Structures are given as C-alpha cells and as structure tokens.
Amino acid sequence: MTINLIFKIAAVGILVSVLGQVLKHSGREEHAFLVSLAGLILVLLWVVPYILELFKTIQSLFSLY
C-alpha cells in the first residue's frame, strides 16, 4: 500500500465532509447522503484490490487451496 492511497482517502473524506455540511445547511439532506455514499463507494473501489491481495497472501502463507 502506498502513501498516495492514504492521501487520496483523506482527500475524499475531507471533500465529502465539506460537501455534506454545505448540502445539509442548504436543506438538501438527500443529496448529502448521496455524496457520502458516493465517497464510500469510491474509497471501497480503491481498497478492495489491496484486500484481495491480502487474502491471497494469507492463503499462500497457510497453503490453503
């Protein structure tokens, strides 16, 4: 895992929180929820390949086939 991924996740978190607050204060709670959901999906798409790599490494470590 590179440090760039951590910075990307932090940037998405900051952006989602700022947009969520702006949308909530303007009375658009539904849009704020959708923005936070989109941020979560984006981060999951970035993290899932690393999780799969971790599971493959553990599988090869214990020789589970």
C-alpha atoms as a PDB file:
ATOM      1  CA  MET A   1       0.000   0.000   0.000  1.00  0.00           C
ATOM      2  CA  THR A   2       1.402   3.336  -0.962  1.00  0.00           C
ATOM      3  CA  ILE A   3       1.163   6.625   0.860  1.00  0.00           C
ATOM      4  CA  ASN A   4      -0.681   8.055  -2.149  1.00  0.00           C
ATOM      5  CA  LEU A   5      -3.684   5.869  -1.387  1.00  0.00           C
ATOM      6  CA  ILE A   6      -3.839   7.193   2.163  1.00  0.00           C
ATOM      7  CA  PHE A   7      -3.690  10.776   0.889  1.00  0.00           C
ATOM      8  CA  LYS A   8      -6.447  10.040  -1.650  1.00  0.00           C
ATOM      9  CA  ILE A   9      -8.684   8.572   1.045  1.00  0.00           C
ATOM     10  CA  ALA A  10      -8.049  11.560   3.297  1.00  0.00           C
ATOM     11  CA  ALA A  11      -8.815  13.984   0.473  1.00  0.00           C
ATOM     12  CA  VAL A  12     -12.072  12.211  -0.332  1.00  0.00           C
ATOM     13  CA  GLY A  13     -13.012  12.247   3.350  1.00  0.00           C
ATOM     14  CA  ILE A  14     -12.389  15.978   3.666  1.00  0.00           C
ATOM     15  CA  LEU A  15     -14.221  16.736   0.436  1.00  0.00           C
ATOM     16  CA  VAL A  16     -17.216  14.589   1.369  1.00  0.00           C
ATOM     17  CA  SER A  17     -17.479  16.127   4.821  1.00  0.00           C
ATOM     18  CA  VAL A  18     -17.337  19.689   3.482  1.00  0.00           C
ATOM     19  CA  LEU A  19     -19.865  18.987   0.732  1.00  0.00           C
ATOM     20  CA  GLY A  20     -22.094  17.148   3.188  1.00  0.00           C
ATOM     21  CA  GLN A  21     -22.128  20.081   5.593  1.00  0.00           C
ATOM     22  CA  VAL A  22     -22.853  22.569   2.817  1.00  0.00           C
ATOM     23  CA  LEU A  23     -25.687  20.448   1.477  1.00  0.00           C
ATOM     24  CA  LYS A  24     -27.172  19.839   4.929  1.00  0.00           C
ATOM     25  CA  HIS A  25     -27.182  23.544   5.755  1.00  0.00           C
ATOM     26  CA  SER A  26     -28.874  24.321   2.453  1.00  0.00           C
ATOM     27  CA  GLY A  27     -31.643  21.824   3.244  1.00  0.00           C
ATOM     28  CA  ARG A  28     -30.645  19.050   0.864  1.00  0.00           C
ATOM     29  CA  GLU A  29     -30.107  16.135   3.212  1.00  0.00           C
ATOM     30  CA  GLU A  30     -30.829  13.597   0.463  1.00  0.00           C
ATOM     31  CA  HIS A  31     -28.041  14.968  -1.681  1.00  0.00           C
ATOM     32  CA  ALA A  32     -25.685  14.996   1.296  1.00  0.00           C
ATOM     33  CA  PHE A  33     -26.432  11.316   1.862  1.00  0.00           C
ATOM     34  CA  LEU A  34     -25.774  10.529  -1.798  1.00  0.00           C
ATOM     35  CA  VAL A  35     -22.462  12.401  -1.694  1.00  0.00           C
ATOM     36  CA  SER A  36     -21.337  10.443   1.352  1.00  0.00           C
ATOM     37  CA  LEU A  37     -22.451   7.184  -0.259  1.00  0.00           C
ATOM     38  CA  ALA A  38     -20.528   8.028  -3.432  1.00  0.00           C
ATOM     39  CA  GLY A  39     -17.427   8.789  -1.371  1.00  0.00           C
ATOM     40  CA  LEU A  40     -17.727   5.461   0.424  1.00  0.00           C
ATOM     41  CA  ILE A  41     -18.096   3.551  -2.844  1.00  0.00           C
ATOM     42  CA  LEU A  42     -15.114   5.355  -4.361  1.00  0.00           C
ATOM     43  CA  VAL A  43     -12.882   4.525  -1.405  1.00  0.00           C
ATOM     44  CA  LEU A  44     -14.059   0.899  -1.409  1.00  0.00           C
ATOM     45  CA  LEU A  45     -13.185   0.605  -5.090  1.00  0.00           C
ATOM     46  CA  TRP A  46      -9.669   1.774  -4.261  1.00  0.00           C
ATOM     47  CA  VAL A  47      -9.239  -0.502  -1.223  1.00  0.00           C
ATOM     48  CA  VAL A  48     -10.775  -3.788  -2.447  1.00  0.00           C
ATOM     49  CA  PRO A  49      -7.778  -4.790  -4.635  1.00  0.00           C
ATOM     50  CA  TYR A  50      -5.485  -4.468  -1.621  1.00  0.00           C
ATOM     51  CA  ILE A  51      -7.836  -6.598   0.475  1.00  0.00           C
ATOM     52  CA  LEU A  52      -7.897  -9.269  -2.239  1.00  0.00           C
ATOM     53  CA  GLU A  53      -4.101  -9.208  -2.359  1.00  0.00           C
ATOM     54  CA  LEU A  54      -4.010  -9.628   1.430  1.00  0.00           C
ATOM     55  CA  PHE A  55      -6.321 -12.658   1.260  1.00  0.00           C
ATOM     56  CA  LYS A  56      -4.221 -14.227  -1.498  1.00  0.00           C
ATOM     57  CA  THR A  57      -1.071 -13.694   0.552  1.00  0.00           C
ATOM     58  CA  ILE A  58      -2.653 -15.270   3.621  1.00  0.00           C
ATOM     59  CA  GLN A  59      -3.915 -18.171   1.522  1.00  0.00           C
ATOM     60  CA  SER A  60      -0.449 -18.833   0.100  1.00  0.00           C
ATOM     61  CA  LEU A  61       1.106 -18.433   3.538  1.00  0.00           C
ATOM     62  CA  PHE A  62      -1.039 -21.161   5.042  1.00  0.00           C
ATOM     63  CA  SER A  63      -1.203 -23.169   1.790  1.00  0.00           C
ATOM     64  CA  LEU A  64      -4.981 -23.220   1.715  1.00  0.00           C
ATOM     65  CA  TYR A  65      -6.316 -24.279  -1.645  1.00  0.00           C
END
